[in-house]
Amino acid sequence: MATLLTVHRALLALPHLVQLAESHDTITYGELARRMRVPNPRTLAWPLWYIRDEICRKRKLPMITAIVVTKGTGLPGAGFLPEGTRHLTKEQIKQRFEEVRDEVFAYPGWQNLLREAEG
């Protein structure tokens, strides 16, 4: 069960992610933390998992959290896929990221999700 802080931070992150998805852009964990005024990017793991599992997967939406990437690799962390990435090669991780990212960028209903989340 998610804590109130996790849900709060997830709802703070969501508008940023929607804006980025609509502009076909990615963001680093550090930059997202700065935009949200969260001191440590590592604390974003739970809110991003909440968005992935409780918001996107339950509604059968693309996993918008995949557009949050690490600065060094330009790829998301291992948790961007619900099943993780340990079973994948580096090339497969890159390929799967690009597929998920493109699904996120192509999805036309992000504003509807924001309205639902705010209501």
C-alpha atoms as a PDB file:
ATOM      1  CA  MET A   1       0.000   0.000   0.000  1.00  0.00           C
ATOM      2  CA  ALA A   2       1.327   3.418  -0.940  1.00  0.00           C
ATOM      3  CA  THR A   3       1.988   6.058   1.680  1.00  0.00           C
ATOM      4  CA  LEU A   4       0.398   9.487   1.498  1.00  0.00           C
ATOM      5  CA  LEU A   5       3.809  10.956   0.648  1.00  0.00           C
ATOM      6  CA  THR A   6       4.219   8.512  -2.235  1.00  0.00           C
ATOM      7  CA  VAL A   7       0.804   9.383  -3.659  1.00  0.00           C
ATOM      8  CA  HIS A   8       1.416  13.106  -3.120  1.00  0.00           C
ATOM      9  CA  ARG A   9       4.747  12.977  -4.950  1.00  0.00           C
ATOM     10  CA  ALA A  10       3.251  10.843  -7.722  1.00  0.00           C
ATOM     11  CA  LEU A  11       0.556  13.458  -8.288  1.00  0.00           C
ATOM     12  CA  LEU A  12       3.222  16.188  -8.250  1.00  0.00           C
ATOM     13  CA  ALA A  13       5.274  14.325 -10.858  1.00  0.00           C
ATOM     14  CA  LEU A  14       2.406  13.456 -13.173  1.00  0.00           C
ATOM     15  CA  PRO A  15       1.872  16.918 -14.756  1.00  0.00           C
ATOM     16  CA  HIS A  16       5.604  17.145 -15.498  1.00  0.00           C
ATOM     17  CA  LEU A  17       5.575  13.709 -17.113  1.00  0.00           C
ATOM     18  CA  VAL A  18       2.491  14.533 -19.187  1.00  0.00           C
ATOM     19  CA  GLN A  19       4.067  17.751 -20.438  1.00  0.00           C
ATOM     20  CA  LEU A  20       7.217  15.865 -21.425  1.00  0.00           C
ATOM     21  CA  ALA A  21       5.282  13.044 -23.079  1.00  0.00           C
ATOM     22  CA  GLU A  22       3.312  15.530 -25.160  1.00  0.00           C
ATOM     23  CA  SER A  23       6.504  17.310 -26.229  1.00  0.00           C
ATOM     24  CA  HIS A  24       8.224  13.967 -26.958  1.00  0.00           C
ATOM     25  CA  ASP A  25      10.938  14.563 -24.394  1.00  0.00           C
ATOM     26  CA  THR A  26      12.652  12.631 -21.631  1.00  0.00           C
ATOM     27  CA  ILE A  27      13.903  13.946 -18.296  1.00  0.00           C
ATOM     28  CA  THR A  28      16.579  12.837 -15.872  1.00  0.00           C
ATOM     29  CA  TYR A  29      15.745  11.765 -12.346  1.00  0.00           C
ATOM     30  CA  GLY A  30      17.728  14.745 -11.056  1.00  0.00           C
ATOM     31  CA  GLU A  31      15.892  17.276 -13.210  1.00  0.00           C
ATOM     32  CA  LEU A  32      12.504  15.837 -12.277  1.00  0.00           C
ATOM     33  CA  ALA A  33      13.450  16.039  -8.600  1.00  0.00           C
ATOM     34  CA  ARG A  34      14.483  19.682  -9.068  1.00  0.00           C
ATOM     35  CA  ARG A  35      11.213  20.540 -10.825  1.00  0.00           C
ATOM     36  CA  MET A  36       9.272  18.885  -8.022  1.00  0.00           C
ATOM     37  CA  ARG A  37      11.477  20.506  -5.372  1.00  0.00           C
ATOM     38  CA  VAL A  38      12.409  17.092  -3.972  1.00  0.00           C
ATOM     39  CA  PRO A  39      15.925  17.145  -2.468  1.00  0.00           C
ATOM     40  CA  ASN A  40      16.968  13.608  -3.409  1.00  0.00           C
ATOM     41  CA  PRO A  41      16.168  12.015  -6.796  1.00  0.00           C
ATOM     42  CA  ARG A  42      16.407   8.564  -5.195  1.00  0.00           C
ATOM     43  CA  THR A  43      13.184   9.286  -3.331  1.00  0.00           C
ATOM     44  CA  LEU A  44      11.336   9.321  -6.663  1.00  0.00           C
ATOM     45  CA  ALA A  45      11.442   5.528  -7.008  1.00  0.00           C
ATOM     46  CA  TRP A  46       8.239   4.899  -5.035  1.00  0.00           C
ATOM     47  CA  PRO A  47       6.185   7.678  -6.664  1.00  0.00           C
ATOM     48  CA  LEU A  48       7.302   6.515 -10.116  1.00  0.00           C
ATOM     49  CA  TRP A  49       6.402   2.918  -9.281  1.00  0.00           C
ATOM     50  CA  TYR A  50       3.025   4.160  -8.050  1.00  0.00           C
ATOM     51  CA  ILE A  51       2.423   5.976 -11.339  1.00  0.00           C
ATOM     52  CA  ARG A  52       3.544   2.935 -13.322  1.00  0.00           C
ATOM     53  CA  ASP A  53       1.488   0.366 -11.409  1.00  0.00           C
ATOM     54  CA  GLU A  54      -1.471   2.183  -9.873  1.00  0.00           C
ATOM     55  CA  ILE A  55      -2.128   4.741 -12.571  1.00  0.00           C
ATOM     56  CA  CYS A  56      -0.802   3.484 -15.915  1.00  0.00           C
ATOM     57  CA  ARG A  57      -1.043  -0.299 -15.655  1.00  0.00           C
ATOM     58  CA  LYS A  58      -4.463  -0.284 -13.998  1.00  0.00           C
ATOM     59  CA  ARG A  59      -5.792   1.859 -16.858  1.00  0.00           C
ATOM     60  CA  LYS A  60      -3.837  -0.058 -19.522  1.00  0.00           C
ATOM     61  CA  LEU A  61      -1.937   3.111 -20.470  1.00  0.00           C
ATOM     62  CA  PRO A  62       1.641   3.352 -21.748  1.00  0.00           C
ATOM     63  CA  MET A  63       4.153   3.453 -18.884  1.00  0.00           C
ATOM     64  CA  ILE A  64       4.804   7.186 -18.809  1.00  0.00           C
ATOM     65  CA  THR A  65       7.455   6.748 -16.116  1.00  0.00           C
ATOM     66  CA  ALA A  66       9.797   5.221 -18.711  1.00  0.00           C
ATOM     67  CA  ILE A  67      10.636   8.722 -19.934  1.00  0.00           C
ATOM     68  CA  VAL A  68      12.505   9.394 -16.666  1.00  0.00           C
ATOM     69  CA  VAL A  69      16.107   8.439 -17.414  1.00  0.00           C
ATOM     70  CA  THR A  70      19.530   8.403 -15.815  1.00  0.00           C
ATOM     71  CA  LYS A  71      21.895  11.152 -16.836  1.00  0.00           C
ATOM     72  CA  GLY A  72      24.786   8.857 -17.752  1.00  0.00           C
ATOM     73  CA  THR A  73      22.976   6.350 -19.942  1.00  0.00           C
ATOM     74  CA  GLY A  74      19.869   8.137 -21.147  1.00  0.00           C
ATOM     75  CA  LEU A  75      17.941   5.029 -20.113  1.00  0.00           C
ATOM     76  CA  PRO A  76      15.481   4.541 -17.270  1.00  0.00           C
ATOM     77  CA  GLY A  77      16.321   2.501 -14.200  1.00  0.00           C
ATOM     78  CA  ALA A  78      15.717  -1.250 -14.027  1.00  0.00           C
ATOM     79  CA  GLY A  79      12.243  -0.697 -12.575  1.00  0.00           C
ATOM     80  CA  PHE A  80      10.851   0.943 -15.690  1.00  0.00           C
ATOM     81  CA  LEU A  81       9.442  -2.447 -16.656  1.00  0.00           C
ATOM     82  CA  PRO A  82       7.180  -4.105 -14.085  1.00  0.00           C
ATOM     83  CA  GLU A  83       9.142  -7.339 -14.440  1.00  0.00           C
ATOM     84  CA  GLY A  84      12.494  -5.530 -14.216  1.00  0.00           C
ATOM     85  CA  THR A  85      15.342  -5.773 -16.696  1.00  0.00           C
ATOM     86  CA  ARG A  86      17.689  -8.372 -15.198  1.00  0.00           C
ATOM     87  CA  HIS A  87      16.646 -10.903 -17.822  1.00  0.00           C
ATOM     88  CA  LEU A  88      17.521  -8.560 -20.713  1.00  0.00           C
ATOM     89  CA  THR A  89      20.803  -7.702 -22.431  1.00  0.00           C
ATOM     90  CA  LYS A  90      21.860  -4.047 -22.642  1.00  0.00           C
ATOM     91  CA  GLU A  91      20.723  -3.952 -26.265  1.00  0.00           C
ATOM     92  CA  GLN A  92      17.351  -5.455 -25.346  1.00  0.00           C
ATOM     93  CA  ILE A  93      16.926  -2.896 -22.558  1.00  0.00           C
ATOM     94  CA  LYS A  94      17.622  -0.087 -25.014  1.00  0.00           C
ATOM     95  CA  GLN A  95      15.227  -1.554 -27.568  1.00  0.00           C
ATOM     96  CA  ARG A  96      12.472  -2.097 -24.977  1.00  0.00           C
ATOM     97  CA  PHE A  97      12.939   1.453 -23.658  1.00  0.00           C
ATOM     98  CA  GLU A  98      12.590   2.884 -27.161  1.00  0.00           C
ATOM     99  CA  GLU A  99       9.395   0.877 -27.723  1.00  0.00           C
ATOM    100  CA  VAL A 100       7.847   2.007 -24.446  1.00  0.00           C
ATOM    101  CA  ARG A 101       9.000   5.607 -24.943  1.00  0.00           C
ATOM    102  CA  ASP A 102       7.457   5.697 -28.413  1.00  0.00           C
ATOM    103  CA  GLU A 103       4.167   4.329 -27.013  1.00  0.00           C
ATOM    104  CA  VAL A 104       4.214   7.098 -24.398  1.00  0.00           C
ATOM    105  CA  PHE A 105       4.916   9.765 -27.014  1.00  0.00           C
ATOM    106  CA  ALA A 106       2.167   8.463 -29.336  1.00  0.00           C
ATOM    107  CA  TYR A 107      -0.564   8.248 -26.712  1.00  0.00           C
ATOM    108  CA  PRO A 108      -3.106  11.065 -27.240  1.00  0.00           C
ATOM    109  CA  GLY A 109      -4.945  10.904 -23.897  1.00  0.00           C
ATOM    110  CA  TRP A 110      -2.509  12.270 -21.338  1.00  0.00           C
ATOM    111  CA  GLN A 111      -4.587  15.397 -20.656  1.00  0.00           C
ATOM    112  CA  ASN A 112      -7.590  13.190 -19.891  1.00  0.00           C
ATOM    113  CA  LEU A 113      -5.485  11.326 -17.343  1.00  0.00           C
ATOM    114  CA  LEU A 114      -4.443  14.601 -15.716  1.00  0.00           C
ATOM    115  CA  ARG A 115      -8.070  15.746 -15.460  1.00  0.00           C
ATOM    116  CA  GLU A 116      -9.009  12.396 -13.909  1.00  0.00           C
ATOM    117  CA  ALA A 117      -6.104  12.565 -11.433  1.00  0.00           C
ATOM    118  CA  GLU A 118      -7.009  16.105 -10.409  1.00  0.00           C
ATOM    119  CA  GLY A 119     -10.690  15.251  -9.942  1.00  0.00           C
END
